[in-house]
PDB file of N, CA and C in Angstrom:
ATOM      1  N   MET A   1      76.731  83.683 113.628  1.00  0.00           N
ATOM      2  CA  MET A   1      76.864  85.025 112.882  1.00  0.00           C
ATOM      3  C   MET A   1      78.323  84.613 112.389  1.00  0.00           C
ATOM      4  N   LEU A   2      79.305  84.377 113.156  1.00  0.00           N
ATOM      5  CA  LEU A   2      80.970  84.453 112.827  1.00  0.00           C
ATOM      6  C   LEU A   2      81.151  83.823 111.354  1.00  0.00           C
ATOM      7  N   GLU A   3      80.349  82.728 111.858  1.00  0.00           N
ATOM      8  CA  GLU A   3      80.629  81.621 110.361  1.00  0.00           C
ATOM      9  C   GLU A   3      80.035  82.352 108.874  1.00  0.00           C
ATOM     10  N   LEU A   4      78.917  83.047 109.398  1.00  0.00           N
ATOM     11  CA  LEU A   4      78.151  84.381 107.778  1.00  0.00           C
ATOM     12  C   LEU A   4      79.143  85.246 107.508  1.00  0.00           C
ATOM     13  N   LEU A   5      80.047  85.744 108.629  1.00  0.00           N
ATOM     14  CA  LEU A   5      80.706  86.752 108.080  1.00  0.00           C
ATOM     15  C   LEU A   5      82.262  86.464 107.607  1.00  0.00           C
ATOM     16  N   THR A   6      82.705  85.102 108.406  1.00  0.00           N
ATOM     17  CA  THR A   6      83.953  84.165 107.779  1.00  0.00           C
ATOM     18  C   THR A   6      83.391  83.835 106.283  1.00  0.00           C
ATOM     19  N   SER A   7      82.661  83.346 106.040  1.00  0.00           N
ATOM     20  CA  SER A   7      82.087  82.853 105.028  1.00  0.00           C
ATOM     21  C   SER A   7      81.424  84.348 103.664  1.00  0.00           C
ATOM     22  N   PHE A   8      81.455  85.205 104.482  1.00  0.00           N
ATOM     23  CA  PHE A   8      81.046  85.994 103.407  1.00  0.00           C
ATOM     24  C   PHE A   8      82.574  86.822 102.954  1.00  0.00           C
ATOM     25  N   PHE A   9      84.032  87.262 103.560  1.00  0.00           N
ATOM     26  CA  PHE A   9      84.611  87.783 103.475  1.00  0.00           C
ATOM     27  C   PHE A   9      85.599  86.542 102.306  1.00  0.00           C
ATOM     28  N   LEU A  10      84.967  84.993 102.576  1.00  0.00           N
ATOM     29  CA  LEU A  10      85.993  83.988 102.276  1.00  0.00           C
ATOM     30  C   LEU A  10      85.747  84.311 100.568  1.00  0.00           C
ATOM     31  N   ILE A  11      83.929  84.331 100.359  1.00  0.00           N
ATOM     32  CA  ILE A  11      83.466  84.361  99.140  1.00  0.00           C
ATOM     33  C   ILE A  11      83.884  86.100  98.238  1.00  0.00           C
ATOM     34  N   ILE A  12      84.021  86.753  98.915  1.00  0.00           N
ATOM     35  CA  ILE A  12      84.088  88.287  98.148  1.00  0.00           C
ATOM     36  C   ILE A  12      85.530  88.051  97.908  1.00  0.00           C
ATOM     37  N   GLY A  13      86.816  87.360  98.624  1.00  0.00           N
ATOM     38  CA  GLY A  13      88.146  87.430  98.416  1.00  0.00           C
ATOM     39  C   GLY A  13      87.985  86.383  97.698  1.00  0.00           C
ATOM     40  N   GLY A  14      87.381  85.054  97.348  1.00  0.00           N
ATOM     41  CA  GLY A  14      87.618  84.659  96.496  1.00  0.00           C
ATOM     42  C   GLY A  14      87.149  84.875  95.144  1.00  0.00           C
ATOM     43  N   LEU A  15      86.007  85.692  94.790  1.00  0.00           N
ATOM     44  CA  LEU A  15      85.939  86.657  93.633  1.00  0.00           C
ATOM     45  C   LEU A  15      86.264  87.224  92.917  1.00  0.00           C
ATOM     46  N   PHE A  16      87.283  88.368  94.242  1.00  0.00           N
ATOM     47  CA  PHE A  16      87.969  89.056  93.585  1.00  0.00           C
ATOM     48  C   PHE A  16      89.087  88.701  93.095  1.00  0.00           C
ATOM     49  N   ALA A  17      89.687  87.813  93.587  1.00  0.00           N
ATOM     50  CA  ALA A  17      90.974  86.645  93.074  1.00  0.00           C
ATOM     51  C   ALA A  17      91.171  85.932  91.635  1.00  0.00           C
ATOM     52  N   LEU A  18      89.559  85.386  91.547  1.00  0.00           N
ATOM     53  CA  LEU A  18      89.362  85.018  90.595  1.00  0.00           C
ATOM     54  C   LEU A  18      89.219  86.201  89.185  1.00  0.00           C
ATOM     55  N   ILE A  19      88.523  87.719  89.857  1.00  0.00           N
ATOM     56  CA  ILE A  19      88.785  88.171  88.638  1.00  0.00           C
ATOM     57  C   ILE A  19      89.493  88.366  88.310  1.00  0.00           C
ATOM     58  N   GLY A  20      90.534  88.775  89.183  1.00  0.00           N
ATOM     59  CA  GLY A  20      91.946  89.569  89.184  1.00  0.00           C
ATOM     60  C   GLY A  20      92.740  88.196  88.239  1.00  0.00           C
ATOM     61  N   SER A  21      92.424  87.209  88.472  1.00  0.00           N
ATOM     62  CA  SER A  21      93.484  86.070  87.680  1.00  0.00           C
ATOM     63  C   SER A  21      93.011  85.922  86.061  1.00  0.00           C
ATOM     64  N   ILE A  22      91.692  86.281  85.482  1.00  0.00           N
ATOM     65  CA  ILE A  22      90.923  86.141  84.554  1.00  0.00           C
ATOM     66  C   ILE A  22      91.572  86.981  84.188  1.00  0.00           C
ATOM     67  N   GLY A  23      91.789  88.456  84.662  1.00  0.00           N
ATOM     68  CA  GLY A  23      91.967  89.811  83.762  1.00  0.00           C
ATOM     69  C   GLY A  23      93.407  89.609  83.356  1.00  0.00           C
ATOM     70  N   MET A  24      93.987  89.226  84.119  1.00  0.00           N
ATOM     71  CA  MET A  24      95.864  88.147  84.332  1.00  0.00           C
ATOM     72  C   MET A  24      96.029  87.779  82.542  1.00  0.00           C
ATOM     73  N   ALA A  25      94.808  86.733  82.463  1.00  0.00           N
ATOM     74  CA  ALA A  25      95.119  85.953  81.953  1.00  0.00           C
ATOM     75  C   ALA A  25      94.522  86.376  80.174  1.00  0.00           C
ATOM     76  N   ARG A  26      93.551  87.511  80.141  1.00  0.00           N
ATOM     77  CA  ARG A  26      92.914  87.829  79.278  1.00  0.00           C
ATOM     78  C   ARG A  26      93.333  89.541  78.702  1.00  0.00           C
ATOM     79  N   PHE A  27      93.819  90.226  78.885  1.00  0.00           N
ATOM     80  CA  PHE A  27      94.541  91.308  79.071  1.00  0.00           C
ATOM     81  C   PHE A  27      95.803  91.254  78.037  1.00  0.00           C
ATOM     82  N   PRO A  28      95.785  91.926  76.638  1.00  0.00           N
ATOM     83  CA  PRO A  28      96.826  91.728  75.997  1.00  0.00           C
ATOM     84  C   PRO A  28      98.627  91.896  76.195  1.00  0.00           C
ATOM     85  N   ASP A  29      98.643  93.053  77.160  1.00  0.00           N
ATOM     86  CA  ASP A  29      99.837  93.516  77.064  1.00  0.00           C
ATOM     87  C   ASP A  29     100.133  93.695  78.162  1.00  0.00           C
ATOM     88  N   LEU A  30     101.524  93.743  78.651  1.00  0.00           N
ATOM     89  CA  LEU A  30     101.932  93.139  79.809  1.00  0.00           C
ATOM     90  C   LEU A  30     101.338  94.579  80.893  1.00  0.00           C
ATOM     91  N   PHE A  31     101.356  95.438  80.440  1.00  0.00           N
ATOM     92  CA  PHE A  31     101.109  96.804  81.102  1.00  0.00           C
ATOM     93  C   PHE A  31      99.582  96.740  81.718  1.00  0.00           C
ATOM     94  N   MET A  32      98.743  96.204  80.874  1.00  0.00           N
ATOM     95  CA  MET A  32      97.192  95.891  81.042  1.00  0.00           C
ATOM     96  C   MET A  32      97.074  94.695  82.321  1.00  0.00           C
ATOM     97  N   ARG A  33      98.205  93.833  82.236  1.00  0.00           N
ATOM     98  CA  ARG A  33      97.837  92.711  82.819  1.00  0.00           C
ATOM     99  C   ARG A  33      98.646  92.852  84.590  1.00  0.00           C
ATOM    100  N   LEU A  34      99.111  93.760  84.157  1.00  0.00           N
ATOM    101  CA  LEU A  34      99.587  94.463  85.708  1.00  0.00           C
ATOM    102  C   LEU A  34      98.721  94.837  86.806  1.00  0.00           C
ATOM    103  N   HIS A  35      97.560  95.262  86.050  1.00  0.00           N
ATOM    104  CA  HIS A  35      96.559  95.503  87.110  1.00  0.00           C
ATOM    105  C   HIS A  35      95.987  94.421  87.679  1.00  0.00           C
ATOM    106  N   GLY A  36      95.526  93.485  86.790  1.00  0.00           N
ATOM    107  CA  GLY A  36      94.946  92.121  87.577  1.00  0.00           C
ATOM    108  C   GLY A  36      95.618  91.493  88.976  1.00  0.00           C
ATOM    109  N   PRO A  37      97.077  91.306  88.969  1.00  0.00           N
ATOM    110  CA  PRO A  37      97.263  90.889  90.356  1.00  0.00           C
ATOM    111  C   PRO A  37      97.707  91.546  91.260  1.00  0.00           C
ATOM    112  N   THR A  38      98.022  92.988  90.807  1.00  0.00           N
ATOM    113  CA  THR A  38      98.347  94.000  91.683  1.00  0.00           C
ATOM    114  C   THR A  38      96.649  94.874  91.866  1.00  0.00           C
ATOM    115  N   LYS A  39      96.205  94.899  91.813  1.00  0.00           N
ATOM    116  CA  LYS A  39      94.699  95.256  92.111  1.00  0.00           C
ATOM    117  C   LYS A  39      93.733  94.576  92.875  1.00  0.00           C
ATOM    118  N   ALA A  40      92.684  93.639  91.690  1.00  0.00           N
ATOM    119  CA  ALA A  40      91.976  92.877  92.205  1.00  0.00           C
ATOM    120  C   ALA A  40      92.424  91.601  93.555  1.00  0.00           C
ATOM    121  N   THR A  41      93.578  90.825  92.755  1.00  0.00           N
ATOM    122  CA  THR A  41      94.224  89.888  93.737  1.00  0.00           C
ATOM    123  C   THR A  41      94.389  90.290  94.664  1.00  0.00           C
ATOM    124  N   THR A  42      94.899  91.356  95.006  1.00  0.00           N
ATOM    125  CA  THR A  42      95.394  91.704  96.252  1.00  0.00           C
ATOM    126  C   THR A  42      94.398  91.805  97.148  1.00  0.00           C
ATOM    127  N   LEU A  43      93.613  92.665  96.643  1.00  0.00           N
ATOM    128  CA  LEU A  43      91.896  92.754  97.338  1.00  0.00           C
ATOM    129  C   LEU A  43      91.380  91.759  97.828  1.00  0.00           C
ATOM    130  N   GLY A  44      91.597  90.173  97.057  1.00  0.00           N
ATOM    131  CA  GLY A  44      91.287  88.927  96.668  1.00  0.00           C
ATOM    132  C   GLY A  44      92.031  88.505  97.901  1.00  0.00           C
ATOM    133  N   VAL A  45      92.935  88.696  98.291  1.00  0.00           N
ATOM    134  CA  VAL A  45      94.135  87.664  99.148  1.00  0.00           C
ATOM    135  C   VAL A  45      93.500  88.634 100.380  1.00  0.00           C
ATOM    136  N   GLY A  46      93.271  89.988 100.578  1.00  0.00           N
ATOM    137  CA  GLY A  46      92.988  90.452 101.841  1.00  0.00           C
ATOM    138  C   GLY A  46      91.831  90.156 102.526  1.00  0.00           C
ATOM    139  N   GLY A  47      90.831  89.420 101.426  1.00  0.00           N
ATOM    140  CA  GLY A  47      89.113  89.334 102.253  1.00  0.00           C
ATOM    141  C   GLY A  47      89.473  87.903 102.763  1.00  0.00           C
ATOM    142  N   ILE A  48      90.058  87.322 101.949  1.00  0.00           N
ATOM    143  CA  ILE A  48      90.565  86.080 102.732  1.00  0.00           C
ATOM    144  C   ILE A  48      91.501  85.980 103.578  1.00  0.00           C
ATOM    145  N   LEU A  49      92.310  86.692 104.427  1.00  0.00           N
ATOM    146  CA  LEU A  49      93.368  86.870 105.080  1.00  0.00           C
ATOM    147  C   LEU A  49      92.076  87.557 106.529  1.00  0.00           C
ATOM    148  N   ILE A  50      91.179  88.334 106.050  1.00  0.00           N
ATOM    149  CA  ILE A  50      90.058  88.634 106.856  1.00  0.00           C
ATOM    150  C   ILE A  50      89.593  87.678 107.333  1.00  0.00           C
ATOM    151  N   ALA A  51      88.769  86.829 106.574  1.00  0.00           N
ATOM    152  CA  ALA A  51      88.470  85.657 106.825  1.00  0.00           C
ATOM    153  C   ALA A  51      88.984  84.665 108.163  1.00  0.00           C
ATOM    154  N   SER A  52      90.017  84.792 107.231  1.00  0.00           N
ATOM    155  CA  SER A  52      91.303  83.653 108.046  1.00  0.00           C
ATOM    156  C   SER A  52      91.545  83.801 109.657  1.00  0.00           C
ATOM    157  N   MET A  53      91.421  85.699 109.526  1.00  0.00           N
ATOM    158  CA  MET A  53      91.598  86.532 111.000  1.00  0.00           C
ATOM    159  C   MET A  53      90.719  86.298 111.560  1.00  0.00           C
ATOM    160  N   LEU A  54      89.474  86.301 111.304  1.00  0.00           N
ATOM    161  CA  LEU A  54      88.424  85.804 112.117  1.00  0.00           C
ATOM    162  C   LEU A  54      87.925  84.819 112.851  1.00  0.00           C
ATOM    163  N   HIS A  55      88.390  83.398 111.997  1.00  0.00           N
ATOM    164  CA  HIS A  55      88.218  82.275 112.055  1.00  0.00           C
ATOM    165  C   HIS A  55      88.957  81.758 112.831  1.00  0.00           C
ATOM    166  N   PHE A  56      90.260  82.417 113.267  1.00  0.00           N
ATOM    167  CA  PHE A  56      91.132  81.675 114.124  1.00  0.00           C
ATOM    168  C   PHE A  56      90.702  82.578 115.231  1.00  0.00           C
ATOM    169  N   SER A  57      90.583  83.607 115.353  1.00  0.00           N
ATOM    170  CA  SER A  57      90.926  84.363 116.537  1.00  0.00           C
ATOM    171  C   SER A  57      89.446  84.065 116.963  1.00  0.00           C
ATOM    172  N   SER A  58      88.349  83.422 116.369  1.00  0.00           N
ATOM    173  CA  SER A  58      87.658  82.581 117.316  1.00  0.00           C
ATOM    174  C   SER A  58      87.534  81.352 117.667  1.00  0.00           C
ATOM    175  N   LEU A  59      88.627  80.852 117.547  1.00  0.00           N
ATOM    176  CA  LEU A  59      88.607  79.606 117.531  1.00  0.00           C
ATOM    177  C   LEU A  59      90.175  79.479 119.129  1.00  0.00           C
ATOM    178  N   GLU A  60      90.734  80.586 118.952  1.00  0.00           N
ATOM    179  CA  GLU A  60      91.753  80.620 119.414  1.00  0.00           C
ATOM    180  C   GLU A  60      91.425  81.647 120.942  1.00  0.00           C
ATOM    181  N   GLY A  61      90.495  82.491 120.852  1.00  0.00           N
ATOM    182  CA  GLY A  61      90.030  83.046 121.861  1.00  0.00           C
ATOM    183  C   GLY A  61      90.444  84.343 122.070  1.00  0.00           C
ATOM    184  N   GLY A  62      91.421  84.653 121.480  1.00  0.00           N
ATOM    185  CA  GLY A  62      92.154  86.152 121.465  1.00  0.00           C
ATOM    186  C   GLY A  62      92.777  86.624 119.628  1.00  0.00           C
ATOM    187  N   LEU A  63      92.866  87.655 119.497  1.00  0.00           N
ATOM    188  CA  LEU A  63      93.137  88.154 118.425  1.00  0.00           C
ATOM    189  C   LEU A  63      94.170  87.565 117.670  1.00  0.00           C
ATOM    190  N   SER A  64      94.448  87.082 116.631  1.00  0.00           N
ATOM    191  CA  SER A  64      95.324  86.631 116.112  1.00  0.00           C
ATOM    192  C   SER A  64      95.853  87.300 114.265  1.00  0.00           C
ATOM    193  N   LEU A  65      96.975  87.844 114.792  1.00  0.00           N
ATOM    194  CA  LEU A  65      97.429  88.653 113.824  1.00  0.00           C
ATOM    195  C   LEU A  65      98.605  88.324 112.992  1.00  0.00           C
ATOM    196  N   HIS A  66      98.837  86.817 112.518  1.00  0.00           N
ATOM    197  CA  HIS A  66      99.700  86.463 112.118  1.00  0.00           C
ATOM    198  C   HIS A  66      99.078  87.300 110.804  1.00  0.00           C
ATOM    199  N   GLU A  67      97.500  86.942 110.366  1.00  0.00           N
ATOM    200  CA  GLU A  67      97.023  87.543 108.931  1.00  0.00           C
ATOM    201  C   GLU A  67      97.028  89.019 108.691  1.00  0.00           C
ATOM    202  N   LEU A  68      97.146  89.502 109.795  1.00  0.00           N
ATOM    203  CA  LEU A  68      97.509  91.023 109.617  1.00  0.00           C
ATOM    204  C   LEU A  68      98.867  91.556 108.964  1.00  0.00           C
ATOM    205  N   LEU A  69      99.687  90.662 109.545  1.00  0.00           N
ATOM    206  CA  LEU A  69     101.139  90.898 109.207  1.00  0.00           C
ATOM    207  C   LEU A  69     101.323  90.210 107.514  1.00  0.00           C
ATOM    208  N   ILE A  70     101.171  88.982 107.565  1.00  0.00           N
ATOM    209  CA  ILE A  70     100.677  88.839 105.989  1.00  0.00           C
ATOM    210  C   ILE A  70     100.433  89.549 104.909  1.00  0.00           C
ATOM    211  N   ALA A  71      99.105  90.684 105.676  1.00  0.00           N
ATOM    212  CA  ALA A  71      98.432  91.479 104.457  1.00  0.00           C
ATOM    213  C   ALA A  71      99.235  92.619 104.548  1.00  0.00           C
ATOM    214  N   MET A  72     100.003  93.401 105.586  1.00  0.00           N
ATOM    215  CA  MET A  72     100.725  94.240 105.572  1.00  0.00           C
ATOM    216  C   MET A  72     102.073  93.726 104.623  1.00  0.00           C
ATOM    217  N   PHE A  73     102.571  92.847 104.727  1.00  0.00           N
ATOM    218  CA  PHE A  73     103.755  92.727 103.905  1.00  0.00           C
ATOM    219  C   PHE A  73     103.226  92.467 102.285  1.00  0.00           C
ATOM    220  N   LEU A  74     102.027  92.272 102.017  1.00  0.00           N
ATOM    221  CA  LEU A  74     101.559  92.251 100.424  1.00  0.00           C
ATOM    222  C   LEU A  74     101.226  93.325 100.343  1.00  0.00           C
ATOM    223  N   MET A  75     100.335  94.120 100.900  1.00  0.00           N
ATOM    224  CA  MET A  75     100.033  95.620 100.434  1.00  0.00           C
ATOM    225  C   MET A  75     101.642  96.763 100.368  1.00  0.00           C
ATOM    226  N   ILE A  76     102.573  95.825 100.534  1.00  0.00           N
ATOM    227  CA  ILE A  76     103.792  96.634 100.500  1.00  0.00           C
ATOM    228  C   ILE A  76     104.598  96.126  99.287  1.00  0.00           C
ATOM    229  N   THR A  77     104.615  94.961  99.260  1.00  0.00           N
ATOM    230  CA  THR A  77     105.128  94.330  97.955  1.00  0.00           C
ATOM    231  C   THR A  77     104.706  93.803  97.074  1.00  0.00           C
ATOM    232  N   ALA A  78     102.850  94.081  96.847  1.00  0.00           N
ATOM    233  CA  ALA A  78     102.888  93.950  95.472  1.00  0.00           C
ATOM    234  C   ALA A  78     102.825  95.084  94.454  1.00  0.00           C
ATOM    235  N   PRO A  79     102.596  96.376  95.174  1.00  0.00           N
ATOM    236  CA  PRO A  79     102.834  97.796  94.279  1.00  0.00           C
ATOM    237  C   PRO A  79     104.091  97.954  93.711  1.00  0.00           C
ATOM    238  N   VAL A  80     105.429  97.302  94.885  1.00  0.00           N
ATOM    239  CA  VAL A  80     106.344  97.528  94.587  1.00  0.00           C
ATOM    240  C   VAL A  80     107.139  96.543  93.262  1.00  0.00           C
ATOM    241  N   SER A  81     106.978  95.725  93.405  1.00  0.00           N
ATOM    242  CA  SER A  81     106.809  94.589  92.536  1.00  0.00           C
ATOM    243  C   SER A  81     106.490  94.435  90.778  1.00  0.00           C
ATOM    244  N   ALA A  82     105.060  95.677  90.891  1.00  0.00           N
ATOM    245  CA  ALA A  82     104.528  95.560  89.758  1.00  0.00           C
ATOM    246  C   ALA A  82     105.458  96.703  89.066  1.00  0.00           C
ATOM    247  N   HIS A  83     105.569  97.776  90.223  1.00  0.00           N
ATOM    248  CA  HIS A  83     106.917  99.090  89.356  1.00  0.00           C
ATOM    249  C   HIS A  83     107.772  98.560  88.875  1.00  0.00           C
ATOM    250  N   LEU A  84     108.451  97.712  89.290  1.00  0.00           N
ATOM    251  CA  LEU A  84     109.817  97.269  89.244  1.00  0.00           C
ATOM    252  C   LEU A  84     109.408  96.192  87.911  1.00  0.00           C
ATOM    253  N   ILE A  85     108.583  95.857  87.739  1.00  0.00           N
ATOM    254  CA  ILE A  85     108.323  94.752  86.324  1.00  0.00           C
ATOM    255  C   ILE A  85     107.600  95.739  85.341  1.00  0.00           C
ATOM    256  N   ALA A  86     106.861  96.626  85.396  1.00  0.00           N
ATOM    257  CA  ALA A  86     106.701  98.003  84.616  1.00  0.00           C
ATOM    258  C   ALA A  86     108.083  98.581  83.748  1.00  0.00           C
ATOM    259  N   ARG A  87     108.774  99.267  85.281  1.00  0.00           N
ATOM    260  CA  ARG A  87     109.720  99.651  84.863  1.00  0.00           C
ATOM    261  C   ARG A  87     110.922  99.205  84.008  1.00  0.00           C
ATOM    262  N   SER A  88     111.056  97.924  84.164  1.00  0.00           N
ATOM    263  CA  SER A  88     112.201  97.011  83.345  1.00  0.00           C
ATOM    264  C   SER A  88     111.565  96.654  81.537  1.00  0.00           C
ATOM    265  N   MET A  89     109.948  96.464  81.585  1.00  0.00           N
ATOM    266  CA  MET A  89     109.670  96.929  80.518  1.00  0.00           C
ATOM    267  C   MET A  89     109.718  98.259  79.379  1.00  0.00           C
ATOM    268  N   ILE A  90     109.419  99.206  80.188  1.00  0.00           N
ATOM    269  CA  ILE A  90     109.604 100.250  80.217  1.00  0.00           C
ATOM    270  C   ILE A  90     111.593 100.362  79.314  1.00  0.00           C
ATOM    271  N   HIS A  91     111.980 100.118  80.218  1.00  0.00           N
ATOM    272  CA  HIS A  91     113.523  99.939  79.620  1.00  0.00           C
ATOM    273  C   HIS A  91     114.099  98.918  78.512  1.00  0.00           C
ATOM    274  N   GLN A  92     113.200  97.658  78.414  1.00  0.00           N
ATOM    275  CA  GLN A  92     113.084  96.765  77.553  1.00  0.00           C
ATOM    276  C   GLN A  92     112.697  97.320  75.887  1.00  0.00           C
ATOM    277  N   ARG A  93     111.605  98.084  76.406  1.00  0.00           N
ATOM    278  CA  ARG A  93     111.223  98.361  74.958  1.00  0.00           C
ATOM    279  C   ARG A  93     112.024 100.176  74.617  1.00  0.00           C
ATOM    280  N   GLY A  94     112.876 100.659  75.202  1.00  0.00           N
ATOM    281  CA  GLY A  94     113.331 101.629  74.530  1.00  0.00           C
ATOM    282  C   GLY A  94     112.599 103.027  75.160  1.00  0.00           C
ATOM    283  N   GLY A  95     111.839 102.734  76.374  1.00  0.00           N
ATOM    284  CA  GLY A  95     111.798 104.050  76.657  1.00  0.00           C
ATOM    285  C   GLY A  95     110.268 104.250  76.737  1.00  0.00           C
ATOM    286  N   ILE A  96     109.953 105.007  77.343  1.00  0.00           N
ATOM    287  CA  ILE A  96     108.563 105.884  77.280  1.00  0.00           C
ATOM    288  C   ILE A  96     107.669 106.391  76.269  1.00  0.00           C
ATOM    289  N   ASP A  97     108.660 107.105  75.460  1.00  0.00           N
ATOM    290  CA  ASP A  97     108.577 107.404  73.820  1.00  0.00           C
ATOM    291  C   ASP A  97     108.260 106.808  72.842  1.00  0.00           C
ATOM    292  N   GLN A  98     108.793 105.502  72.933  1.00  0.00           N
ATOM    293  CA  GLN A  98     108.804 104.503  72.110  1.00  0.00           C
ATOM    294  C   GLN A  98     107.244 103.817  72.923  1.00  0.00           C
ATOM    295  N   ILE A  99     106.775 103.421  73.659  1.00  0.00           N
ATOM    296  CA  ILE A  99     105.795 102.853  73.805  1.00  0.00           C
ATOM    297  C   ILE A  99     104.295 103.572  73.663  1.00  0.00           C
ATOM    298  N   HIS A 100     104.965 105.117  74.009  1.00  0.00           N
ATOM    299  CA  HIS A 100     103.194 105.595  73.228  1.00  0.00           C
ATOM    300  C   HIS A 100     103.461 105.945  72.006  1.00  0.00           C
ATOM    301  N   LYS A 101     104.000 105.545  71.549  1.00  0.00           N
ATOM    302  CA  LYS A 101     104.367 105.853  69.687  1.00  0.00           C
ATOM    303  C   LYS A 101     103.517 104.238  69.194  1.00  0.00           C
ATOM    304  N   LYS A 102     103.374 103.184  69.874  1.00  0.00           N
ATOM    305  CA  LYS A 102     103.072 102.291  69.435  1.00  0.00           C
ATOM    306  C   LYS A 102     101.554 102.098  70.228  1.00  0.00           C
ATOM    307  N   THR A 103     101.402 102.525  71.241  1.00  0.00           N
ATOM    308  CA  THR A 103      99.972 102.249  71.722  1.00  0.00           C
ATOM    309  C   THR A 103      98.894 103.174  71.507  1.00  0.00           C
ATOM    310  N   LEU A 104      99.533 104.581  71.537  1.00  0.00           N
ATOM    311  CA  LEU A 104      98.469 105.616  71.586  1.00  0.00           C
ATOM    312  C   LEU A 104      98.185 106.266  70.017  1.00  0.00           C
ATOM    313  N   PRO A 105      97.041 106.176  69.475  1.00  0.00           N
ATOM    314  CA  PRO A 105      96.973 106.656  68.212  1.00  0.00           C
ATOM    315  C   PRO A 105      97.534 107.885  67.818  1.00  0.00           C
ATOM    316  N   ILE A 106      97.740 108.221  66.220  1.00  0.00           N
ATOM    317  CA  ILE A 106      98.178 109.480  65.881  1.00  0.00           C
ATOM    318  C   ILE A 106      97.065 110.445  65.826  1.00  0.00           C
ATOM    319  N   ASP A 107      97.381 112.051  66.313  1.00  0.00           N
ATOM    320  CA  ASP A 107      96.759 113.047  66.198  1.00  0.00           C
ATOM    321  C   ASP A 107      96.667 113.293  65.103  1.00  0.00           C
ATOM    322  N   PRO A 108      95.352 113.450  64.147  1.00  0.00           N
ATOM    323  CA  PRO A 108      95.590 114.145  63.044  1.00  0.00           C
ATOM    324  C   PRO A 108      95.689 115.332  62.310  1.00  0.00           C
ATOM    325  N   HIS A 109      95.646 116.459  63.820  1.00  0.00           N
ATOM    326  CA  HIS A 109      96.189 117.698  63.422  1.00  0.00           C
ATOM    327  C   HIS A 109      97.471 118.266  63.542  1.00  0.00           C
TER     328      HIS A 109
END
């Protein structure tokens, strides 16, 4: 039963990581590309870490906390790094007003 649960989390984590990676490769703009690695891929790595925690906890006979520390580090650093990348791109493009002029349609009224 534990192998099935571990396999489930591995498959779900792998699918989320794959979807996030495909999204990062296919989205046209940097701001859209940030959603792939920060949302779906973070969930994918989280699923894989849960599967690893279940597997190694059953092998060692105790609770494996290494994966929990890795997941906490990932959940803290992924949004911060995405925010810094987005802020640097906004600064490079000349501010938020310049970005809205390029990406939003012009209102005819």
